[in-house]
């Protein structure tokens, strides 16, 4: 018997006669936001903007024109496309579409001007986008290297009020990326620098009916 086994044996002996854990003294709130879709959506918009994301609202019919305009305003010549991004989303966009390839290097991805993805969830109380590597999102690196990221959030299906609600819907075995605003960091003098660890510009499209 090695040291690890001896320690575990002592722990098992010590807790063998321990009583069952008592039931929780109370139920804890899973959200501090009113259970109203419009209230949750407005809070998400507010907190995304507070983190310096640029927020747009649109419907499915107007989405292609909006994405085309945002890419044109950015001057994007190329746009990175995850494998299962709905093709019609970029039907009005002029940039050359670059398909994400598994062998693409960081240097190659850095040459792309913009990336457009979907998301897994958006959390209103924290202004956070969660990506899980789904087919309309692609690999984690394609949203970290290009300087401009446009993320489309389907409303209300992909919007939750709080982190506990999000955790109940996410698969912990997937590669989760939590995004609160464009990449930013500060040095000891509190000088803010954007674009160090991810996109310098984050645009979020809230896609509702």
Protein backbone atom coordinates (compact mmCIF):
# COMPACT_ATOMS: atom_id res chain seq x y z
CA UNK A 1 0.00 0.00 0.00
CA UNK A 2 1.42 3.37 -1.00
CA UNK A 3 0.94 6.73 0.74
CA UNK A 4 -2.05 7.72 -1.38
CA UNK A 5 -3.90 4.49 -0.60
CA UNK A 6 -3.17 4.83 3.13
CA UNK A 7 -4.53 8.38 3.21
CA UNK A 8 -7.69 7.42 1.31
CA UNK A 9 -8.23 4.44 3.60
CA UNK A 10 -8.02 6.71 6.65
CA UNK A 11 -10.51 9.14 5.07
CA UNK A 12 -12.97 6.31 4.36
CA UNK A 13 -12.65 5.07 7.94
CA UNK A 14 -13.18 8.57 9.35
CA UNK A 15 -16.37 9.22 7.37
CA UNK A 16 -17.82 5.71 7.49
CA UNK A 17 -20.31 6.56 10.26
CA UNK A 18 -20.93 10.17 9.23
CA UNK A 19 -24.62 11.15 8.98
CA UNK A 20 -26.19 12.08 5.67
CA UNK A 21 -25.70 15.68 4.67
CA UNK A 22 -28.71 17.81 5.65
CA UNK A 23 -30.98 19.20 3.01
CA UNK A 24 -30.21 22.78 1.93
CA UNK A 25 -31.62 25.32 4.36
CA UNK A 26 -33.18 27.25 1.52
CA UNK A 27 -33.49 27.41 -2.23
CA UNK A 28 -31.04 29.83 -3.84
CA UNK A 29 -31.98 32.21 -6.62
CA UNK A 30 -30.68 31.28 -10.04
CA UNK A 31 -31.28 34.78 -11.39
CA UNK A 32 -31.69 38.35 -10.15
CA UNK A 33 -33.56 39.41 -13.27
CA UNK A 34 -37.31 39.49 -13.85
CA UNK A 35 -38.53 36.49 -15.84
CA UNK A 36 -39.51 38.57 -18.84
CA UNK A 37 -37.88 38.06 -22.27
CA UNK A 38 -37.84 41.77 -23.13
CA UNK A 39 -36.29 42.69 -19.78
CA UNK A 40 -33.62 40.00 -20.17
CA UNK A 41 -32.84 41.09 -23.73
CA UNK A 42 -32.56 44.77 -22.77
CA UNK A 43 -30.22 43.84 -19.91
CA UNK A 44 -28.06 41.78 -22.27
CA UNK A 45 -27.86 44.70 -24.70
CA UNK A 46 -26.92 47.09 -21.91
CA UNK A 47 -24.19 44.89 -20.44
CA UNK A 48 -22.70 43.97 -23.81
CA UNK A 49 -22.40 47.67 -24.61
CA UNK A 50 -20.94 48.33 -21.16
CA UNK A 51 -18.11 45.95 -22.07
CA UNK A 52 -17.54 47.99 -25.27
CA UNK A 53 -19.10 45.50 -27.64
CA UNK A 54 -21.05 47.12 -30.48
CA UNK A 55 -24.61 45.80 -30.40
CA UNK A 56 -27.10 45.58 -33.26
CA UNK A 57 -30.66 44.25 -33.35
CA UNK A 58 -32.24 42.87 -36.47
CA UNK A 59 -34.56 40.19 -37.87
CA UNK A 60 -33.75 37.27 -40.19
CA UNK A 61 -34.81 39.10 -43.34
CA UNK A 62 -32.49 42.05 -42.65
CA UNK A 63 -29.55 40.03 -41.32
CA UNK A 64 -27.66 39.54 -44.62
CA UNK A 65 -27.76 43.26 -45.42
CA UNK A 66 -26.62 44.15 -41.89
CA UNK A 67 -23.68 41.72 -41.97
CA UNK A 68 -22.71 42.98 -45.41
CA UNK A 69 -22.75 46.57 -44.16
CA UNK A 70 -20.73 45.80 -41.02
CA UNK A 71 -18.03 44.01 -43.01
CA UNK A 72 -17.93 46.83 -45.58
CA UNK A 73 -17.62 49.48 -42.87
CA UNK A 74 -14.72 47.51 -41.43
CA UNK A 75 -13.07 47.38 -44.85
CA UNK A 76 -12.83 43.60 -44.65
CA UNK A 77 -11.49 41.94 -47.77
CA UNK A 78 -11.71 38.43 -46.29
CA UNK A 79 -14.08 36.87 -43.78
CA UNK A 80 -13.51 33.59 -41.97
CA UNK A 81 -16.51 31.25 -42.08
CA UNK A 82 -17.13 28.32 -39.68
CA UNK A 83 -18.14 25.06 -41.40
CA UNK A 84 -21.89 25.28 -40.72
CA UNK A 85 -22.55 29.01 -40.72
CA UNK A 86 -25.88 29.47 -42.57
CA UNK A 87 -24.82 30.47 -46.12
CA UNK A 88 -27.56 33.08 -46.52
CA UNK A 89 -26.17 35.09 -43.60
CA UNK A 90 -23.38 36.34 -45.85
CA UNK A 91 -25.35 36.44 -49.10
CA UNK A 92 -25.03 40.25 -49.24
CA UNK A 93 -21.38 40.38 -48.14
CA UNK A 94 -18.62 41.21 -50.63
CA UNK A 95 -15.49 39.93 -48.82
CA UNK A 96 -13.89 36.70 -49.95
CA UNK A 97 -15.07 33.84 -47.74
CA UNK A 98 -12.28 31.84 -46.15
CA UNK A 99 -13.27 28.39 -44.92
CA UNK A 100 -11.67 27.34 -41.66
CA UNK A 101 -9.30 24.45 -42.28
CA UNK A 102 -8.05 22.24 -39.42
CA UNK A 103 -4.46 22.74 -40.53
CA UNK A 104 -4.66 26.55 -40.69
CA UNK A 105 -1.89 28.12 -38.62
CA UNK A 106 -2.17 31.14 -36.35
CA UNK A 107 -0.16 33.15 -38.90
CA UNK A 108 -2.62 32.25 -41.66
CA UNK A 109 -5.64 33.10 -39.52
CA UNK A 110 -4.03 36.43 -38.65
CA UNK A 111 -4.25 37.42 -42.33
CA UNK A 112 -8.06 37.22 -42.24
CA UNK A 113 -9.83 40.54 -41.65
CA UNK A 114 -13.03 39.37 -39.92
CA UNK A 115 -14.81 36.29 -38.61
CA UNK A 116 -18.58 35.74 -38.36
CA UNK A 117 -19.94 33.10 -35.99
CA UNK A 118 -23.00 32.02 -34.08
CA UNK A 119 -22.84 31.26 -30.36
CA UNK A 120 -24.02 28.71 -27.83
CA UNK A 121 -25.53 31.14 -25.30
CA UNK A 122 -25.55 34.77 -24.22
CA UNK A 123 -25.83 35.71 -20.53
CA UNK A 124 -27.71 38.92 -19.78
CA UNK A 125 -26.57 39.63 -16.22
CA UNK A 126 -22.88 39.49 -17.14
CA UNK A 127 -22.97 40.58 -20.80
CA UNK A 128 -21.17 37.36 -21.73
CA UNK A 129 -21.17 35.33 -24.93
CA UNK A 130 -20.45 31.61 -24.64
CA UNK A 131 -19.06 29.65 -27.59
CA UNK A 132 -18.78 25.86 -27.42
CA UNK A 133 -17.13 25.00 -30.72
CA UNK A 134 -20.43 24.17 -32.41
CA UNK A 135 -20.62 23.88 -36.22
CA UNK A 136 -21.67 27.53 -36.64
CA UNK A 137 -18.86 28.69 -34.33
CA UNK A 138 -15.83 26.65 -35.34
CA UNK A 139 -12.61 26.16 -33.44
CA UNK A 140 -11.71 28.38 -30.51
CA UNK A 141 -8.73 29.90 -32.31
CA UNK A 142 -10.74 31.38 -35.18
CA UNK A 143 -12.47 33.76 -32.75
CA UNK A 144 -9.25 34.70 -30.93
CA UNK A 145 -6.87 35.58 -33.77
CA UNK A 146 -8.75 37.75 -36.32
CA UNK A 147 -9.04 41.38 -35.19
CA UNK A 148 -12.79 41.68 -35.86
CA UNK A 149 -15.45 39.26 -34.63
CA UNK A 150 -19.16 39.46 -35.44
CA UNK A 151 -21.22 37.11 -33.26
CA UNK A 152 -24.88 36.41 -34.03
CA UNK A 153 -27.14 35.55 -31.08
CA UNK A 154 -30.52 33.99 -31.80
CA UNK A 155 -33.18 35.62 -29.63
CA UNK A 156 -34.75 34.35 -27.41
CA UNK A 157 -33.51 30.75 -27.77
CA UNK A 158 -29.86 31.51 -26.99
CA UNK A 159 -30.37 34.14 -24.29
CA UNK A 160 -30.43 33.34 -20.57
CA UNK A 161 -30.55 35.70 -17.62
CA UNK A 162 -27.76 34.34 -15.42
CA UNK A 163 -24.65 32.19 -15.14
CA UNK A 164 -26.47 29.41 -13.18
CA UNK A 165 -29.04 29.18 -15.96
CA UNK A 166 -26.26 29.00 -18.53
CA UNK A 167 -24.41 26.26 -16.67
CA UNK A 168 -27.54 24.13 -16.64
CA UNK A 169 -27.68 24.27 -20.45
CA UNK A 170 -23.99 23.99 -21.38
CA UNK A 171 -22.08 20.77 -21.94
CA UNK A 172 -18.98 20.91 -19.69
CA UNK A 173 -17.13 18.46 -21.94
CA UNK A 174 -17.12 20.93 -24.84
CA UNK A 175 -14.42 23.62 -25.37
CA UNK A 176 -16.23 26.58 -23.81
CA UNK A 177 -15.05 30.12 -24.56
CA UNK A 178 -16.55 32.92 -22.44
CA UNK A 179 -16.39 36.36 -24.04
CA UNK A 180 -17.20 39.61 -22.24
CA UNK A 181 -16.40 42.38 -24.67
CA UNK A 182 -13.42 42.78 -27.00
CA UNK A 183 -10.03 41.62 -25.79
CA UNK A 184 -8.55 44.09 -23.32
CA UNK A 185 -5.82 44.24 -20.72
CA UNK A 186 -4.21 46.91 -18.56
CA UNK A 187 -0.65 47.40 -17.35
CA UNK A 188 0.40 48.52 -13.89
CA UNK A 189 -0.40 52.13 -14.83
CA UNK A 190 -3.95 51.02 -15.81
CA UNK A 191 -3.40 51.94 -19.45
CA UNK A 192 -5.97 49.91 -21.38
CA UNK A 193 -4.77 48.00 -24.43
CA UNK A 194 -7.24 46.20 -26.68
CA UNK A 195 -6.64 43.30 -29.05
CA UNK A 196 -3.86 41.52 -27.15
CA UNK A 197 -5.63 38.24 -26.35
CA UNK A 198 -8.42 38.29 -28.91
CA UNK A 199 -10.35 40.55 -31.31
CA UNK A 200 -9.93 44.29 -30.92
CA UNK A 201 -13.48 44.87 -32.15
CA UNK A 202 -16.48 42.77 -31.13
CA UNK A 203 -19.87 43.27 -32.74
CA UNK A 204 -22.91 41.38 -31.49
CA UNK A 205 -26.05 40.94 -33.57
CA UNK A 206 -29.19 40.11 -31.58
CA UNK A 207 -31.28 38.21 -34.10
CA UNK A 208 -34.97 38.16 -33.25
CA UNK A 209 -38.21 37.62 -35.13
